[in-house]
Amino acid sequence: MSGVMAGKVALVTGAGGGIGRGVALALAAAGARVVVNDIGVSLTGEGGDAGPAQRVVDEIRAAGGEAVANTDSVSSWQGANAIVQSAIDNFGRIDAVVNNAGNLRDRMFFKMNEEEWRSVIDVHLHGTFFVSRAAANYFKDQESGAYVHMTSTSGLIGNLGQANYSAAKLGIAALSKSIALDMARFNVRSNCIAPFAWSRMTSSIPSETPEEKARVAKLQKMEAGKVAPMAVFLASDAASEVNAQIFAVRANEIMLMSQPRPVRSVHLSEGWTPESIAEIALPAMRNSFHKLERSPDVINWDPI
């Protein structure tokens, strides 16, 4: 198949449905041979079968593309290496990794237990590191490669009841920057996408109050497939000069997200005391404080 990914091999985790499925299909349509990874469990971890991944593979093959299914877990070092090895065994190389696998254990911070914390960190943050690390030596040796990681405005901005998910997603943004810094000398890129889309994960958002129902109604307008073009672009050579960036994709809208930088500074030649901080520093910086806002408070306009 011809396209911007012709001749390349891409790996997509969590590709059995939603955003991952859309990305896998789009990569194949752009010419890539694709490893479709999905462990085949519910958002809360029950079950497990090859069905979701295989169905996406069947769709790709029916359209004339090449793909294989993989059901190893991103949350272990061994599983992540097996996912990458599947690309090597079936297609002989690996050119792009899309870290999309995810789960949710939403709970208010003061009620969250250890399992809810660890399970989300394991899949999102550990999974992103493990799969990325498994591909790193191949990328390094061939002096090319692209990472695309899914972050979230829940981490970049904030959200209620998602301390585990928010911490993992902000960690992914920092991990992506570190990968970009460490791997740039080998012509390897690492970028993030914060997707807004109605998917299996977002379908678990509560919708009981009028505010919650309105938020869900907005999300339902955001098709999962709208995220795929940006993922394909970032995985392709067309993005050869794009590195260490964070994009948000919301229906037909693409946003370049800011990254933490100093916004205000104060200096006192004799040094600071707690009292002088309260008297001088805080009044000088207060107007630059960030508000206690959630993602929907900041990105509050209707999707186009």
Protein backbone atom coordinates (compact mmCIF):
# COMPACT_ATOMS: atom_id res chain seq x y z
CA MET A 1 0.00 0.00 0.00
CA SER A 2 1.19 3.52 -0.70
CA GLY A 3 1.07 6.43 1.74
CA VAL A 4 3.15 8.37 4.26
CA MET A 5 3.86 5.15 6.20
CA ALA A 6 4.70 2.96 3.19
CA GLY A 7 7.44 0.46 4.00
CA LYS A 8 7.23 1.09 7.73
CA VAL A 9 6.14 -1.09 10.64
CA ALA A 10 4.04 0.40 13.43
CA LEU A 11 2.93 -0.94 16.78
CA VAL A 12 -0.25 0.31 18.48
CA THR A 13 -1.10 -0.72 22.03
CA GLY A 14 -4.70 -0.86 23.22
CA ALA A 15 -5.77 -1.03 19.58
CA GLY A 16 -8.78 -3.32 19.92
CA GLY A 17 -11.26 -0.44 20.00
CA GLY A 18 -11.76 3.30 20.29
CA ILE A 19 -8.81 5.59 19.60
CA GLY A 20 -6.33 2.73 19.25
CA ARG A 21 -8.44 0.98 16.63
CA GLY A 22 -8.75 4.21 14.65
CA VAL A 23 -5.00 4.77 14.78
CA ALA A 24 -4.22 1.19 13.71
CA LEU A 25 -6.62 1.39 10.77
CA ALA A 26 -5.25 4.78 9.71
CA LEU A 27 -1.64 3.60 9.92
CA ALA A 28 -2.48 0.61 7.75
CA ALA A 29 -4.32 2.82 5.27
CA ALA A 30 -1.19 5.00 5.12
CA GLY A 31 0.88 1.96 4.13
CA ALA A 32 2.25 0.66 7.42
CA ARG A 33 2.35 -2.96 8.48
CA VAL A 34 0.76 -2.93 11.93
CA VAL A 35 1.03 -4.88 15.17
CA VAL A 36 -2.40 -4.55 16.77
CA ASN A 37 -1.94 -5.03 20.51
CA ASP A 38 -4.86 -5.45 22.88
CA ILE A 39 -5.04 -7.60 25.97
CA GLY A 40 -8.80 -7.94 25.55
CA VAL A 41 -10.00 -7.07 29.04
CA SER A 42 -12.58 -4.66 30.40
CA LEU A 43 -11.63 -1.26 31.77
CA THR A 44 -11.61 -2.78 35.25
CA GLY A 45 -9.42 -5.71 34.20
CA GLU A 46 -11.90 -8.58 33.82
CA GLY A 47 -11.84 -11.09 31.00
CA GLY A 48 -9.22 -11.33 28.32
CA ASP A 49 -9.35 -12.66 24.78
CA ALA A 50 -7.79 -12.13 21.37
CA GLY A 51 -11.09 -11.10 19.81
CA PRO A 52 -10.76 -7.28 19.81
CA ALA A 53 -7.23 -7.26 18.38
CA GLN A 54 -8.01 -9.93 15.81
CA ARG A 55 -11.12 -8.13 14.60
CA VAL A 56 -9.04 -5.01 13.87
CA VAL A 57 -6.46 -7.17 12.08
CA ASP A 58 -9.26 -8.68 9.98
CA GLU A 59 -10.46 -5.17 9.07
CA ILE A 60 -6.96 -4.16 7.98
CA ARG A 61 -6.47 -7.30 5.93
CA ALA A 62 -9.90 -6.94 4.31
CA ALA A 63 -8.83 -3.48 3.15
CA GLY A 64 -5.64 -4.89 1.61
CA GLY A 65 -3.24 -4.12 4.44
CA GLU A 66 -0.92 -6.21 6.58
CA ALA A 67 -1.34 -6.69 10.33
CA VAL A 68 -0.92 -9.17 13.15
CA ALA A 69 -2.65 -9.39 16.51
CA ASN A 70 -0.87 -9.42 19.86
CA THR A 71 -2.39 -9.89 23.32
CA ASP A 72 0.61 -9.37 25.62
CA SER A 73 0.28 -6.90 28.49
CA VAL A 74 2.09 -3.57 28.39
CA SER A 75 2.19 -3.52 32.19
CA SER A 76 5.11 -5.95 32.48
CA TRP A 77 8.67 -5.78 31.15
CA GLN A 78 8.29 -9.25 29.62
CA GLY A 79 4.95 -8.45 27.99
CA ALA A 80 6.20 -5.21 26.48
CA ASN A 81 9.26 -6.92 25.02
CA ALA A 82 7.01 -9.62 23.55
CA ILE A 83 4.88 -6.95 21.83
CA VAL A 84 7.92 -5.40 20.15
CA GLN A 85 9.31 -8.84 19.34
CA SER A 86 6.05 -9.58 17.51
CA ALA A 87 6.86 -6.74 15.11
CA ILE A 88 10.39 -8.07 14.57
CA ASP A 89 9.26 -11.69 14.13
CA ASN A 90 6.44 -10.87 11.71
CA PHE A 91 7.76 -7.88 9.79
CA GLY A 92 11.50 -7.75 10.46
CA ARG A 93 11.66 -4.22 11.90
CA ILE A 94 9.90 -1.55 14.00
CA ASP A 95 9.57 2.10 12.95
CA ALA A 96 6.83 3.59 15.13
CA VAL A 97 5.34 2.94 18.55
CA VAL A 98 1.97 4.37 19.52
CA ASN A 99 1.45 4.00 23.29
CA ASN A 100 -2.33 4.06 23.62
CA ALA A 101 -3.24 1.27 26.06
CA GLY A 102 -5.19 2.51 29.06
CA ASN A 103 -7.51 1.76 31.94
CA LEU A 104 -9.47 3.71 34.52
CA ARG A 105 -10.07 3.35 38.25
CA ASP A 106 -11.71 6.71 38.96
CA ARG A 107 -12.11 7.54 42.64
CA MET A 108 -11.81 10.67 44.74
CA PHE A 109 -8.28 10.92 46.14
CA PHE A 110 -9.40 10.52 49.74
CA LYS A 111 -11.13 7.22 48.86
CA MET A 112 -8.60 5.76 46.40
CA ASN A 113 -6.97 2.50 47.47
CA GLU A 114 -3.61 0.97 46.61
CA GLU A 115 -4.93 -1.34 43.88
CA GLU A 116 -6.73 1.51 42.14
CA TRP A 117 -3.56 3.59 42.21
CA ARG A 118 -1.13 0.87 41.13
CA SER A 119 -3.26 -0.63 38.35
CA VAL A 120 -3.57 2.70 36.51
CA ILE A 121 0.10 3.63 36.98
CA ASP A 122 1.09 0.14 35.80
CA VAL A 123 -0.81 0.32 32.51
CA HIS A 124 -0.34 3.97 31.58
CA LEU A 125 3.03 5.05 32.94
CA HIS A 126 4.88 1.77 33.37
CA GLY A 127 3.34 0.44 30.15
CA THR A 128 4.47 3.47 28.16
CA PHE A 129 8.00 3.15 29.54
CA PHE A 130 8.21 -0.63 29.07
CA VAL A 131 7.03 -0.65 25.44
CA SER A 132 9.11 2.40 24.55
CA ARG A 133 12.19 0.89 26.16
CA ALA A 134 11.64 -2.42 24.36
CA ALA A 135 11.76 -0.61 21.01
CA ALA A 136 14.62 1.73 21.95
CA ASN A 137 17.55 -0.48 20.94
CA TYR A 138 16.03 -1.16 17.52
CA PHE A 139 15.44 2.57 16.99
CA LYS A 140 18.94 3.36 18.20
CA ASP A 141 20.62 0.79 15.95
CA GLN A 142 18.75 1.84 12.81
CA GLU A 143 19.04 5.55 13.75
CA SER A 144 15.37 6.23 13.14
CA GLY A 145 12.04 5.83 14.85
CA ALA A 146 9.04 7.65 16.25
CA TYR A 147 7.19 7.44 19.54
CA VAL A 148 3.63 8.73 19.91
CA HIS A 149 2.31 8.68 23.48
CA MET A 150 -1.24 9.38 24.64
CA THR A 151 -1.31 11.86 27.50
CA SER A 152 -4.40 13.69 28.80
CA THR A 153 -5.54 17.12 29.87
CA SER A 154 -6.53 15.38 33.11
CA GLY A 155 -2.80 15.39 33.84
CA LEU A 156 -1.76 18.51 31.95
CA ILE A 157 -4.53 20.63 33.51
CA GLY A 158 -6.38 18.54 36.09
CA ASN A 159 -9.62 16.72 36.76
CA LEU A 160 -11.74 15.48 39.64
CA GLY A 161 -11.53 11.90 40.87
CA GLN A 162 -8.52 10.95 38.73
CA ALA A 163 -5.43 11.29 40.90
CA ASN A 164 -4.05 7.99 39.55
CA TYR A 165 -4.83 8.71 35.90
CA SER A 166 -3.72 12.36 36.12
CA ALA A 167 -0.40 11.44 37.72
CA ALA A 168 0.25 8.78 35.08
CA LYS A 169 -0.65 11.03 32.17
CA LEU A 170 1.48 13.95 33.36
CA GLY A 171 4.27 11.44 33.96
CA ILE A 172 3.93 10.31 30.34
CA ALA A 173 4.45 13.89 29.15
CA ALA A 174 7.67 14.10 31.19
CA LEU A 175 8.76 10.66 30.02
CA SER A 176 8.22 11.71 26.40
CA LYS A 177 10.43 14.77 26.90
CA SER A 178 13.18 12.61 28.44
CA ILE A 179 12.97 10.11 25.59
CA ALA A 180 13.20 12.97 23.08
CA LEU A 181 16.28 14.37 24.82
CA ASP A 182 18.03 11.02 25.16
CA MET A 183 17.20 9.69 21.70
CA ALA A 184 17.53 12.82 19.53
CA ARG A 185 21.16 11.97 18.70
CA PHE A 186 19.86 8.79 17.04
CA ASN A 187 17.27 10.63 14.93
CA VAL A 188 14.44 9.29 17.12
CA ARG A 189 11.46 11.49 17.99
CA SER A 190 8.98 11.41 20.87
CA ASN A 191 5.73 13.39 21.00
CA CYS A 192 2.44 13.32 22.89
CA ILE A 193 -1.22 13.60 21.98
CA ALA A 194 -3.90 14.53 24.50
CA PRO A 195 -7.02 13.16 22.79
CA PHE A 196 -10.59 14.28 23.31
CA ALA A 197 -12.80 11.45 22.06
CA TRP A 198 -15.78 9.31 22.95
CA SER A 199 -14.41 5.84 23.57
CA ARG A 200 -14.79 2.86 25.86
CA MET A 201 -12.79 4.68 28.54
CA THR A 202 -14.75 7.92 28.41
CA SER A 203 -18.04 6.00 28.35
CA SER A 204 -17.39 5.18 32.01
CA ILE A 205 -17.61 8.87 33.01
CA PRO A 206 -20.55 9.44 35.38
CA SER A 207 -23.55 11.16 33.77
CA GLU A 208 -26.04 11.70 36.56
CA THR A 209 -26.06 15.45 37.22
CA PRO A 210 -27.05 18.00 34.53
CA GLU A 211 -23.42 19.20 34.37
CA GLU A 212 -22.13 15.63 33.90
CA LYS A 213 -24.74 14.91 31.23
CA ALA A 214 -23.77 18.07 29.34
CA ARG A 215 -20.10 17.10 29.48
CA VAL A 216 -20.82 13.60 28.18
CA ALA A 217 -22.98 15.02 25.38
CA LYS A 218 -20.03 17.14 24.24
CA LEU A 219 -17.67 14.15 24.38
CA GLN A 220 -20.05 12.05 22.31
CA LYS A 221 -19.60 14.52 19.44
CA MET A 222 -15.86 13.83 19.39
CA GLU A 223 -15.25 10.80 17.20
CA ALA A 224 -12.33 8.56 18.16
CA GLY A 225 -11.21 8.43 14.52
CA LYS A 226 -10.47 12.17 14.55
CA VAL A 227 -7.33 11.50 16.61
CA ALA A 228 -5.79 9.14 14.05
CA PRO A 229 -4.51 11.66 11.47
CA MET A 230 -2.28 13.38 14.05
CA ALA A 231 -0.94 10.03 15.28
CA VAL A 232 -0.13 8.94 11.72
CA PHE A 233 1.52 12.28 10.97
CA LEU A 234 3.71 12.13 14.08
CA ALA A 235 4.70 8.54 13.28
CA SER A 236 5.69 9.44 9.72
CA ASP A 237 8.76 11.07 8.19
CA ALA A 238 6.60 14.13 7.46
CA ALA A 239 7.08 14.97 11.16
CA SER A 240 10.86 14.60 11.06
CA GLU A 241 11.34 18.06 12.60
CA VAL A 242 8.66 17.66 15.28
CA ASN A 243 10.04 16.47 18.61
CA ALA A 244 9.18 16.78 22.33
CA GLN A 245 5.82 18.45 21.63
CA ILE A 246 2.39 17.96 23.19
CA PHE A 247 -0.66 18.28 20.98
CA ALA A 248 -4.34 18.05 21.87
CA VAL A 249 -6.84 16.81 19.30
CA ARG A 250 -10.52 17.66 19.78
CA ALA A 251 -12.86 16.82 16.89
CA ASN A 252 -11.55 18.97 14.00
CA GLU A 253 -9.37 21.10 16.28
CA ILE A 254 -5.63 20.66 16.95
CA MET A 255 -4.00 22.47 19.86
CA LEU A 256 -0.32 22.86 20.72
CA MET A 257 -0.15 22.62 24.51
CA SER A 258 2.16 24.73 26.67
CA GLN A 259 4.86 23.18 28.80
CA PRO A 260 5.97 24.40 32.26
CA ARG A 261 8.20 27.46 32.12
CA PRO A 262 8.83 30.29 34.62
CA VAL A 263 6.03 32.86 34.51
CA ARG A 264 7.21 35.29 37.23
CA SER A 265 10.28 35.72 39.44
CA VAL A 266 11.23 37.88 42.40
CA HIS A 267 14.69 38.55 43.85
CA LEU A 268 15.82 39.86 47.22
CA SER A 269 19.53 40.63 47.55
CA GLU A 270 19.77 39.75 51.24
CA GLY A 271 17.89 36.44 50.79
CA TRP A 272 14.41 35.37 51.80
CA THR A 273 12.75 34.65 55.12
CA PRO A 274 9.29 33.15 55.55
CA GLU A 275 8.10 36.60 56.61
CA SER A 276 9.54 38.44 53.60
CA ILE A 277 8.12 35.79 51.26
CA ALA A 278 4.69 36.46 52.71
CA GLU A 279 5.15 40.24 52.60
CA ILE A 280 6.97 40.71 49.28
CA ALA A 281 7.17 37.60 47.11
CA LEU A 282 3.57 36.41 47.33
CA PRO A 283 1.95 39.77 46.50
CA ALA A 284 4.30 40.12 43.52
CA MET A 285 3.47 36.66 42.16
CA ARG A 286 -0.18 36.28 43.14
CA ASN A 287 -1.60 37.70 39.91
CA SER A 288 0.28 35.00 38.01
CA PHE A 289 -1.06 32.11 40.11
CA HIS A 290 -2.89 29.39 38.21
CA LYS A 291 -6.50 28.90 39.21
CA LEU A 292 -7.76 25.65 40.68
CA GLU A 293 -9.31 24.53 37.41
CA ARG A 294 -10.28 21.29 35.74
CA SER A 295 -9.72 20.42 32.11
CA PRO A 296 -13.34 21.29 31.10
CA ASP A 297 -13.02 24.67 32.87
CA VAL A 298 -10.03 25.62 30.70
CA ILE A 299 -11.06 24.03 27.40
CA ASN A 300 -14.69 25.07 27.69
CA TRP A 301 -15.77 25.91 24.14
CA ASP A 302 -17.91 23.59 22.06
CA PRO A 303 -16.13 21.14 19.75
CA ILE A 304 -16.32 22.01 16.08
